[in-house]
Amino acid sequence: MIVVIDGPAGSGKSSTARAVAHELNIQYLDSGALYRAVTYLFLESEQSLPKFFESLYSVQLTFKFDNEFHVSLNGEVITEAIRDPKISLHVSGIAAMTKVREFINAIMKKAVQHGLYIADGRDLGTAVFPNAKCKFFMTADLETRAKRRRQELDSKGIQVSYSEVVAEIKRRDQIDSTREEDPLKQADDAILVDSSAFSFDEQVQYIVKKIKESIILE
């Protein structure tokens, strides 16, 4: 069973989904990390699409959640490497590719066949898990999103200017919302959560409450 949180970059969906997973003692699935992992593979393939797709179909992409979401490619842990700004520059373009989306979607659908998961992404409620038991769409104003993203990068020792972060978020929003296949949009039955209007704890507790109203936890 799956609960989904969709939303644009920097809206707070990943940190919120992780907190909800801890609060309810359920599994967390970070779809963005999986797309970053295959983007890492693309860069390792010298940005050659034929070489990339050849590697994609033979790669072992694995993940686990134990307080944090860890990702490995062919046994190599790349959890930190996929947060590099170079990955951010390419991830939206790679994620827009049909073959990539089919690859990642198949992994996610297989993973959630047993147990209860909460996942965050951009098209989970509309394309990947349209029958999800509970759906949320998180948003926030651009300034709030940029500040969060810069703080995240600073905490990892990655120095990027505020203006660069704003430009990158705008670029990713444009790609995500206008891509031909499965563009970013709110599902008709998703609950809208404006994270710029809540404290972090408030938005976590609000989502926990809504999930408990929709799902009987085992």
Protein backbone atom coordinates (compact mmCIF):
# COMPACT_ATOMS: atom_id res chain seq x y z
CA MET A 1 0.00 0.00 0.00
CA ILE A 2 1.25 3.47 -0.83
CA VAL A 3 0.73 7.06 0.30
CA VAL A 4 2.18 9.70 -2.04
CA ILE A 5 3.36 13.28 -1.74
CA ASP A 6 3.99 15.14 -4.99
CA GLY A 7 5.28 18.65 -5.47
CA PRO A 8 7.95 20.84 -7.05
CA ALA A 9 11.60 21.04 -6.00
CA GLY A 10 12.13 22.60 -2.59
CA SER A 11 8.52 22.30 -1.45
CA GLY A 12 9.56 20.19 1.53
CA LYS A 13 8.02 16.93 0.38
CA SER A 14 11.09 14.74 0.96
CA SER A 15 11.86 15.87 4.51
CA THR A 16 8.15 15.74 5.34
CA ALA A 17 7.72 12.24 3.91
CA ARG A 18 10.71 11.00 5.92
CA ALA A 19 9.31 12.52 9.11
CA VAL A 20 5.89 10.99 8.48
CA ALA A 21 7.52 7.60 7.87
CA HIS A 22 9.26 7.84 11.25
CA GLU A 23 6.11 9.05 12.98
CA LEU A 24 4.00 6.16 11.67
CA ASN A 25 6.82 3.59 11.59
CA ILE A 26 6.32 2.85 7.90
CA GLN A 27 8.68 2.62 4.93
CA TYR A 28 9.88 5.64 2.96
CA LEU A 29 10.49 5.61 -0.80
CA ASP A 30 12.42 8.54 -2.29
CA SER A 31 11.63 8.52 -6.01
CA GLY A 32 13.79 11.59 -6.57
CA ALA A 33 16.82 9.74 -5.22
CA LEU A 34 16.20 6.93 -7.71
CA TYR A 35 16.10 9.40 -10.60
CA ARG A 36 19.27 11.01 -9.25
CA ALA A 37 20.87 7.57 -9.17
CA VAL A 38 20.23 6.95 -12.86
CA THR A 39 21.41 10.49 -13.60
CA TYR A 40 24.62 9.58 -11.78
CA LEU A 41 24.82 6.58 -14.11
CA PHE A 42 24.32 8.89 -17.10
CA LEU A 43 27.25 11.08 -16.04
CA GLU A 44 29.37 8.00 -15.39
CA SER A 45 28.50 6.92 -18.96
CA GLU A 46 30.22 10.08 -20.23
CA GLN A 47 26.79 11.53 -21.12
CA SER A 48 26.53 9.10 -24.02
CA LEU A 49 22.90 8.00 -24.36
CA PRO A 50 23.67 4.66 -26.07
CA LYS A 51 26.21 3.81 -23.37
CA PHE A 52 23.83 5.05 -20.68
CA PHE A 53 20.89 2.91 -21.80
CA GLU A 54 23.11 -0.13 -22.21
CA SER A 55 24.21 0.34 -18.58
CA LEU A 56 20.69 1.11 -17.38
CA TYR A 57 19.29 -2.22 -18.52
CA SER A 58 22.01 -4.19 -16.76
CA VAL A 59 22.51 -2.11 -13.60
CA GLN A 60 21.54 -3.27 -10.11
CA LEU A 61 19.81 -0.34 -8.45
CA THR A 62 19.04 -1.06 -4.81
CA PHE A 63 17.87 1.02 -1.86
CA LYS A 64 16.92 0.80 1.80
CA PHE A 65 15.47 3.08 4.45
CA ASP A 66 16.87 3.09 7.97
CA ASN A 67 16.52 6.63 9.29
CA GLU A 68 17.84 7.79 5.90
CA PHE A 69 17.21 6.64 2.34
CA HIS A 70 20.30 4.88 0.98
CA VAL A 71 20.90 4.14 -2.72
CA SER A 72 23.44 1.82 -4.34
CA LEU A 73 24.42 1.08 -7.93
CA ASN A 74 26.00 -2.33 -8.50
CA GLY A 75 26.88 -2.45 -4.81
CA GLU A 76 28.43 1.04 -4.70
CA VAL A 77 26.74 3.32 -2.14
CA ILE A 78 26.03 6.65 -3.87
CA THR A 79 23.70 8.24 -1.31
CA GLU A 80 25.89 11.34 -0.92
CA ALA A 81 27.18 11.46 -4.50
CA ILE A 82 23.71 11.90 -5.99
CA ARG A 83 23.26 15.22 -4.14
CA ASP A 84 26.06 16.86 -6.11
CA PRO A 85 24.91 20.01 -8.01
CA LYS A 86 26.07 18.36 -11.25
CA ILE A 87 23.34 15.78 -10.76
CA SER A 88 20.76 18.53 -10.22
CA LEU A 89 21.68 20.10 -13.55
CA HIS A 90 20.78 16.95 -15.46
CA VAL A 91 18.20 15.08 -13.40
CA SER A 92 15.05 16.72 -14.82
CA GLY A 93 16.15 16.01 -18.39
CA ILE A 94 17.00 12.40 -17.62
CA ALA A 95 13.78 11.92 -15.64
CA ALA A 96 11.75 13.14 -18.62
CA MET A 97 12.92 10.21 -20.78
CA THR A 98 10.24 7.57 -21.31
CA LYS A 99 12.60 4.61 -20.93
CA VAL A 100 14.00 6.01 -17.69
CA ARG A 101 10.53 6.60 -16.26
CA GLU A 102 9.46 3.07 -17.15
CA PHE A 103 12.58 1.69 -15.47
CA ILE A 104 12.10 3.63 -12.22
CA ASN A 105 8.33 3.14 -12.11
CA ALA A 106 8.75 -0.63 -12.39
CA ILE A 107 11.19 -0.61 -9.45
CA MET A 108 8.83 1.44 -7.29
CA LYS A 109 5.73 -0.59 -8.11
CA LYS A 110 7.54 -3.81 -7.22
CA ALA A 111 8.84 -2.35 -3.95
CA VAL A 112 5.44 -1.34 -2.56
CA GLN A 113 3.66 -4.65 -3.12
CA HIS A 114 4.12 -5.52 0.54
CA GLY A 115 3.82 -3.26 3.58
CA LEU A 116 2.90 0.41 3.83
CA TYR A 117 5.05 3.04 2.15
CA ILE A 118 5.07 6.79 1.84
CA ALA A 119 6.76 8.12 -1.27
CA ASP A 120 7.50 11.57 -2.62
CA GLY A 121 7.92 12.65 -6.22
CA ARG A 122 6.43 14.71 -9.00
CA ASP A 123 3.94 12.43 -10.77
CA LEU A 124 3.28 9.66 -8.28
CA GLY A 125 -0.37 10.49 -7.65
CA THR A 126 -1.19 11.15 -11.30
CA ALA A 127 0.85 8.59 -13.25
CA VAL A 128 2.65 6.01 -11.12
CA PHE A 129 0.18 5.31 -8.30
CA PRO A 130 -3.15 6.79 -9.46
CA ASN A 131 -4.97 4.47 -7.03
CA ALA A 132 -2.89 5.46 -4.00
CA LYS A 133 -4.94 5.34 -0.82
CA CYS A 134 -3.96 8.86 0.20
CA LYS A 135 -2.42 11.64 -1.92
CA PHE A 136 -0.89 15.00 -1.07
CA PHE A 137 0.47 17.82 -3.19
CA MET A 138 2.97 20.09 -1.43
CA THR A 139 3.86 23.55 -2.61
CA ALA A 140 5.57 26.70 -1.29
CA ASP A 141 6.52 30.10 -2.63
CA LEU A 142 9.76 30.38 -4.60
CA GLU A 143 11.65 32.26 -1.87
CA THR A 144 10.86 29.61 0.73
CA ARG A 145 11.84 26.81 -1.61
CA ALA A 146 15.13 28.47 -2.57
CA LYS A 147 16.08 29.10 1.06
CA ARG A 148 15.40 25.47 1.93
CA ARG A 149 17.43 24.19 -0.99
CA ARG A 150 20.37 26.42 -0.17
CA GLN A 151 20.31 25.36 3.48
CA GLU A 152 20.30 21.72 2.38
CA LEU A 153 23.34 22.30 0.16
CA ASP A 154 25.14 24.30 2.86
CA SER A 155 24.62 21.46 5.34
CA LYS A 156 26.41 19.17 2.89
CA GLY A 157 29.30 21.61 2.42
CA ILE A 158 28.20 22.54 -1.11
CA GLN A 159 28.57 26.27 -1.73
CA VAL A 160 26.01 27.67 -4.17
CA SER A 161 24.73 31.26 -4.32
CA TYR A 162 21.08 32.06 -3.61
CA SER A 163 20.62 33.40 -7.16
CA GLU A 164 21.98 30.15 -8.61
CA VAL A 165 19.55 28.13 -6.48
CA VAL A 166 16.61 30.28 -7.62
CA ALA A 167 17.61 29.90 -11.26
CA GLU A 168 17.98 26.12 -10.89
CA ILE A 169 14.56 25.75 -9.23
CA LYS A 170 12.91 27.82 -11.96
CA ARG A 171 14.61 25.71 -14.63
CA ARG A 172 13.52 22.45 -13.02
CA ASP A 173 9.95 23.73 -12.57
CA GLN A 174 9.81 24.60 -16.27
CA ILE A 175 11.05 21.18 -17.34
CA ASP A 176 8.89 19.24 -14.87
CA SER A 177 5.66 21.10 -15.60
CA THR A 178 5.97 21.15 -19.41
CA ARG A 179 7.45 17.74 -20.19
CA GLU A 180 5.35 15.78 -22.64
CA GLU A 181 5.08 12.65 -20.52
CA ASP A 182 3.63 12.77 -16.98
CA PRO A 183 4.15 16.49 -16.25
CA LEU A 184 4.14 17.82 -12.70
CA LYS A 185 0.58 18.63 -11.63
CA GLN A 186 -1.72 18.13 -8.69
CA ALA A 187 -3.91 15.02 -8.83
CA ASP A 188 -7.62 15.81 -8.69
CA ASP A 189 -7.99 13.85 -5.44
CA ALA A 190 -4.78 15.07 -3.77
CA ILE A 191 -4.85 17.19 -0.61
CA LEU A 192 -3.04 20.50 -1.14
CA VAL A 193 -0.47 21.41 1.54
CA ASP A 194 1.16 24.86 1.31
CA SER A 195 4.31 24.28 3.33
CA SER A 196 5.16 27.98 3.44
CA ALA A 197 2.05 28.45 5.62
CA PHE A 198 2.94 25.73 8.16
CA SER A 199 5.81 25.05 10.50
CA PHE A 200 7.55 21.78 9.73
CA ASP A 201 6.00 19.98 12.70
CA GLU A 202 2.56 21.33 11.81
CA GLN A 203 2.68 20.02 8.25
CA VAL A 204 3.96 16.62 9.42
CA GLN A 205 1.19 16.26 12.00
CA TYR A 206 -1.44 17.45 9.51
CA ILE A 207 -0.40 14.78 7.00
CA VAL A 208 -0.18 12.10 9.70
CA LYS A 209 -3.70 12.97 10.80
CA LYS A 210 -5.05 12.73 7.24
CA ILE A 211 -3.33 9.38 6.69
CA LYS A 212 -4.76 7.96 9.90
CA GLU A 213 -8.21 9.09 8.81
CA SER A 214 -7.79 7.24 5.48
CA ILE A 215 -5.88 4.13 6.44
CA ILE A 216 -6.12 1.66 9.29
CA LEU A 217 -2.48 1.08 10.23
CA GLU A 218 -1.54 -2.46 11.12
